[in-house]
Amino acid sequence: MRLRKADEQRRRWENVGLAWLIALGIVMVAFGFWHVTPFGHRNLLMSDMGTQYIPLLTALQHALRYQTFHLFSFSLSLGSNVVPTVAYYLLSPFNIIVLAFSAANVPIAASVIIMVKIATIAATMAWFLQDHFLTSSRVTIVFALAFSLSGFVAVDFFDLMWLDALIVLPLVVAGIDRLVRAQRLGMFYGWLLVSMVTNYYLGYMMCLFSILYFGYTLFNQWGRLG
């Protein structure tokens, strides 16, 4: 019995890894087909990506590489506190990837960050589906890929910070499941805090979703008990 449980756990983590690799491969093929960096001469410097994210990622790279951190900048209007800007754009742990690139290649780093984030969305959703439905079926990979390549991602992937919310969402939902079924608070509060810290713009939306999903789960739980 213990060996069977270990095999089940191993298969679940295999599915998580496969979801990550397949999603990464799909995005790499798509970028390669359209000759988007790092697989071609085209880039993603459109909308907020070119006007906000790339300059901010370049500034983050410089600050991390040379340990020059400033809480006030005159580059914002007539001078302003940069803490809100950092909290809004730069607290994702995936931004550390920029350290692997030179300042001139930050646009390439942004493409790599997008690819890794989309792959991680697939991985966390694969984990959640298996945990929620108590399965280790390979079919969960298909649904995880569908989620990671959804219309929201396709339309808004160049808004880097928004993708972190989709990475954390399955983990927050899993935390609500544990809260309702076993009265265990840690996972829900922990991942909800992560969602708020990495991107408070979608973090408050995560709070609204959590209220709705909590009510739905509680209603189902009462239905089973009744």
Protein backbone atom coordinates (compact mmCIF):
# COMPACT_ATOMS: atom_id res chain seq x y z
CA MET A 1 0.00 0.00 0.00
CA ARG A 2 2.80 2.39 0.91
CA LEU A 3 4.65 1.52 -2.31
CA ARG A 4 1.51 2.13 -4.36
CA LYS A 5 1.06 5.53 -2.74
CA ALA A 6 4.67 6.40 -3.52
CA ASP A 7 4.13 5.42 -7.17
CA GLU A 8 1.03 7.58 -7.27
CA GLN A 9 2.95 10.57 -5.94
CA ARG A 10 5.78 9.99 -8.39
CA ARG A 11 3.33 9.86 -11.30
CA ARG A 12 1.68 13.10 -10.14
CA TRP A 13 5.01 14.93 -10.09
CA GLU A 14 5.83 13.43 -13.49
CA ASN A 15 2.60 14.94 -14.82
CA VAL A 16 3.53 18.32 -13.33
CA GLY A 17 6.94 18.16 -14.99
CA LEU A 18 5.48 17.04 -18.32
CA ALA A 19 2.93 19.85 -18.26
CA TRP A 20 5.73 22.35 -17.66
CA LEU A 21 7.91 20.97 -20.46
CA ILE A 22 5.11 20.61 -23.01
CA ALA A 23 3.79 24.12 -22.36
CA LEU A 24 7.30 25.52 -22.66
CA GLY A 25 7.81 23.61 -25.90
CA ILE A 26 4.54 24.88 -27.38
CA VAL A 27 5.37 28.50 -26.59
CA MET A 28 8.91 28.06 -27.94
CA VAL A 29 7.52 26.65 -31.20
CA ALA A 30 5.05 29.55 -31.46
CA PHE A 31 7.78 32.13 -30.84
CA GLY A 32 10.07 30.33 -33.27
CA PHE A 33 7.39 30.21 -35.97
CA TRP A 34 6.83 33.95 -35.70
CA HIS A 35 10.58 34.67 -35.32
CA VAL A 36 10.13 36.29 -31.92
CA THR A 37 13.18 36.73 -29.70
CA PRO A 38 15.15 34.72 -28.74
CA PHE A 39 14.35 32.79 -31.95
CA GLY A 40 14.31 35.65 -34.41
CA HIS A 41 14.53 39.38 -35.01
CA ARG A 42 11.01 40.28 -33.88
CA ASN A 43 10.31 41.34 -30.30
CA LEU A 44 7.41 41.95 -27.93
CA LEU A 45 8.01 45.69 -27.45
CA MET A 46 4.35 46.62 -27.83
CA SER A 47 1.93 48.43 -25.58
CA ASP A 48 3.10 48.46 -21.93
CA MET A 49 5.93 46.04 -22.65
CA GLY A 50 7.97 48.59 -24.58
CA THR A 51 7.01 51.72 -22.67
CA GLN A 52 7.03 50.39 -19.09
CA TYR A 53 8.23 46.84 -18.52
CA ILE A 54 11.50 46.91 -20.46
CA PRO A 55 12.75 50.18 -18.87
CA LEU A 56 11.74 48.93 -15.42
CA LEU A 57 13.32 45.51 -15.92
CA THR A 58 16.49 47.22 -17.13
CA ALA A 59 16.50 49.39 -14.00
CA LEU A 60 15.91 46.30 -11.85
CA GLN A 61 18.80 44.50 -13.50
CA HIS A 62 21.10 47.46 -12.86
CA ALA A 63 19.96 47.72 -9.23
CA LEU A 64 20.48 43.99 -8.54
CA ARG A 65 23.79 43.77 -10.35
CA TYR A 66 25.37 46.85 -8.79
CA GLN A 67 23.41 46.96 -5.51
CA THR A 68 22.17 50.49 -6.18
CA PHE A 69 18.71 50.76 -4.68
CA HIS A 70 16.88 54.08 -4.48
CA LEU A 71 13.45 54.74 -2.99
CA PHE A 72 13.02 58.04 -4.82
CA SER A 73 13.49 58.90 -8.47
CA PHE A 74 13.27 62.07 -10.53
CA SER A 75 12.47 59.99 -13.64
CA LEU A 76 8.85 59.80 -12.42
CA SER A 77 7.14 63.09 -13.25
CA LEU A 78 8.83 65.81 -11.13
CA GLY A 79 10.16 63.20 -8.73
CA SER A 80 8.33 60.52 -6.79
CA ASN A 81 8.58 57.54 -4.44
CA VAL A 82 9.43 54.43 -6.48
CA VAL A 83 8.15 51.88 -3.92
CA PRO A 84 4.60 51.71 -5.42
CA THR A 85 6.10 51.23 -8.88
CA VAL A 86 8.36 48.44 -7.65
CA ALA A 87 5.46 46.78 -5.81
CA TYR A 88 3.29 46.95 -8.92
CA TYR A 89 5.77 45.81 -11.56
CA LEU A 90 8.89 44.20 -10.16
CA LEU A 91 8.22 41.86 -7.22
CA SER A 92 7.75 38.73 -9.30
CA PRO A 93 10.57 36.25 -8.50
CA PHE A 94 10.75 35.41 -12.21
CA ASN A 95 12.24 38.86 -12.86
CA ILE A 96 15.55 37.57 -11.49
CA ILE A 97 16.00 35.98 -14.92
CA VAL A 98 17.12 39.40 -16.22
CA LEU A 99 20.43 38.90 -14.38
CA ALA A 100 21.35 36.24 -16.95
CA PHE A 101 21.24 38.86 -19.73
CA SER A 102 22.99 42.11 -20.53
CA ALA A 103 21.14 45.41 -20.44
CA ALA A 104 20.91 45.40 -24.24
CA ASN A 105 19.26 41.98 -24.18
CA VAL A 106 16.55 42.71 -21.61
CA PRO A 107 13.87 42.34 -24.36
CA ILE A 108 15.12 38.78 -24.86
CA ALA A 109 14.97 38.23 -21.10
CA ALA A 110 11.34 39.41 -21.14
CA SER A 111 10.50 36.78 -23.77
CA VAL A 112 12.19 34.09 -21.68
CA ILE A 113 10.27 35.24 -18.58
CA ILE A 114 6.99 34.95 -20.50
CA MET A 115 7.83 31.43 -21.69
CA VAL A 116 8.82 30.25 -18.21
CA LYS A 117 5.74 31.80 -16.61
CA ILE A 118 3.36 30.15 -19.08
CA ALA A 119 5.06 26.81 -18.47
CA THR A 120 4.72 27.31 -14.71
CA ILE A 121 1.01 28.10 -15.09
CA ALA A 122 0.59 24.68 -16.70
CA ALA A 123 2.59 23.03 -13.91
CA THR A 124 0.59 24.51 -11.03
CA MET A 125 -2.72 23.76 -12.74
CA ALA A 126 -1.64 20.16 -13.35
CA TRP A 127 -0.79 19.85 -9.65
CA PHE A 128 -4.13 21.33 -8.61
CA LEU A 129 -6.24 19.13 -10.89
CA GLN A 130 -4.59 16.01 -9.53
CA ASP A 131 -4.95 17.19 -5.94
CA HIS A 132 -8.58 18.29 -6.37
CA PHE A 133 -9.81 15.21 -8.20
CA LEU A 134 -7.49 12.74 -6.43
CA THR A 135 -6.07 11.40 -9.66
CA SER A 136 -2.76 10.93 -11.41
CA SER A 137 -4.22 10.59 -14.89
CA ARG A 138 -2.25 11.99 -17.82
CA VAL A 139 -5.47 13.69 -18.96
CA THR A 140 -4.84 16.38 -16.36
CA ILE A 141 -1.91 17.54 -18.50
CA VAL A 142 -4.30 18.32 -21.37
CA PHE A 143 -6.51 20.51 -19.18
CA ALA A 144 -3.48 22.17 -17.60
CA LEU A 145 -2.18 23.06 -21.06
CA ALA A 146 -5.59 24.44 -22.03
CA PHE A 147 -5.53 26.69 -18.97
CA SER A 148 -1.95 27.88 -19.53
CA LEU A 149 -2.69 28.70 -23.19
CA SER A 150 -6.12 30.21 -22.59
CA GLY A 151 -7.46 33.33 -24.24
CA PHE A 152 -6.50 35.47 -21.24
CA VAL A 153 -2.86 34.41 -21.62
CA ALA A 154 -2.91 34.81 -25.39
CA VAL A 155 -4.26 38.36 -25.16
CA ASP A 156 -2.38 39.62 -22.09
CA PHE A 157 0.88 37.66 -21.99
CA PHE A 158 2.93 40.81 -22.66
CA ASP A 159 1.65 42.19 -19.33
CA LEU A 160 4.25 40.21 -17.43
CA MET A 161 2.92 40.81 -13.94
CA TRP A 162 -0.55 39.44 -14.75
CA LEU A 163 0.80 35.96 -15.48
CA ASP A 164 1.91 35.50 -11.86
CA ALA A 165 -1.75 35.58 -10.79
CA LEU A 166 -2.52 32.60 -13.03
CA ILE A 167 0.43 30.71 -11.56
CA VAL A 168 -0.83 31.24 -8.01
CA LEU A 169 -4.57 30.85 -8.73
CA PRO A 170 -4.62 27.01 -8.71
CA LEU A 171 -2.66 27.00 -5.43
CA VAL A 172 -5.08 29.47 -3.82
CA VAL A 173 -8.00 27.30 -4.91
CA ALA A 174 -6.29 24.23 -3.48
CA GLY A 175 -5.86 26.17 -0.24
CA ILE A 176 -9.60 26.91 -0.13
CA ASP A 177 -10.31 23.21 -0.65
CA ARG A 178 -8.15 22.41 2.37
CA LEU A 179 -9.75 25.20 4.39
CA VAL A 180 -13.27 23.86 3.83
CA ARG A 181 -12.54 20.15 4.03
CA ALA A 182 -9.91 20.01 6.77
CA GLN A 183 -9.96 23.50 8.39
CA ARG A 184 -6.30 24.00 7.44
CA LEU A 185 -5.61 27.69 6.87
CA GLY A 186 -1.91 27.83 6.03
CA MET A 187 -1.93 27.06 2.31
CA PHE A 188 -4.78 29.44 1.50
CA TYR A 189 -3.43 32.40 3.45
CA GLY A 190 0.13 31.75 2.30
CA TRP A 191 -0.60 31.67 -1.43
CA LEU A 192 -3.13 34.49 -1.23
CA LEU A 193 -0.42 36.61 0.38
CA VAL A 194 1.97 35.65 -2.43
CA SER A 195 -0.61 36.74 -5.01
CA MET A 196 -1.04 40.10 -3.28
CA VAL A 197 2.70 40.72 -2.94
CA THR A 198 3.69 39.72 -6.48
CA ASN A 199 0.85 41.65 -8.13
CA TYR A 200 -1.69 43.51 -6.04
CA TYR A 201 -3.56 44.64 -9.17
CA LEU A 202 -4.84 41.12 -9.75
CA GLY A 203 -4.36 40.19 -6.09
CA TYR A 204 -7.54 41.94 -5.02
CA MET A 205 -9.37 40.17 -7.86
CA MET A 206 -8.00 36.94 -6.43
CA CYS A 207 -9.59 37.91 -3.10
CA LEU A 208 -12.97 38.44 -4.79
CA PHE A 209 -12.67 35.10 -6.57
CA SER A 210 -11.72 33.42 -3.29
CA ILE A 211 -14.91 34.65 -1.64
CA LEU A 212 -17.03 33.26 -4.47
CA TYR A 213 -15.20 29.94 -4.64
CA PHE A 214 -15.27 29.58 -0.85
CA GLY A 215 -19.05 30.02 -0.89
CA TYR A 216 -19.40 27.51 -3.72
CA THR A 217 -17.21 24.93 -1.98
CA LEU A 218 -18.94 25.43 1.36
CA PHE A 219 -22.35 24.99 -0.28
CA ASN A 220 -21.21 21.74 -1.91
CA GLN A 221 -19.78 20.52 1.38
CA TRP A 222 -23.05 21.17 3.20
CA GLY A 223 -24.93 19.43 0.37
CA ARG A 224 -22.87 16.29 0.84
CA LEU A 225 -23.35 16.35 4.61
CA GLY A 226 -27.09 16.86 4.17
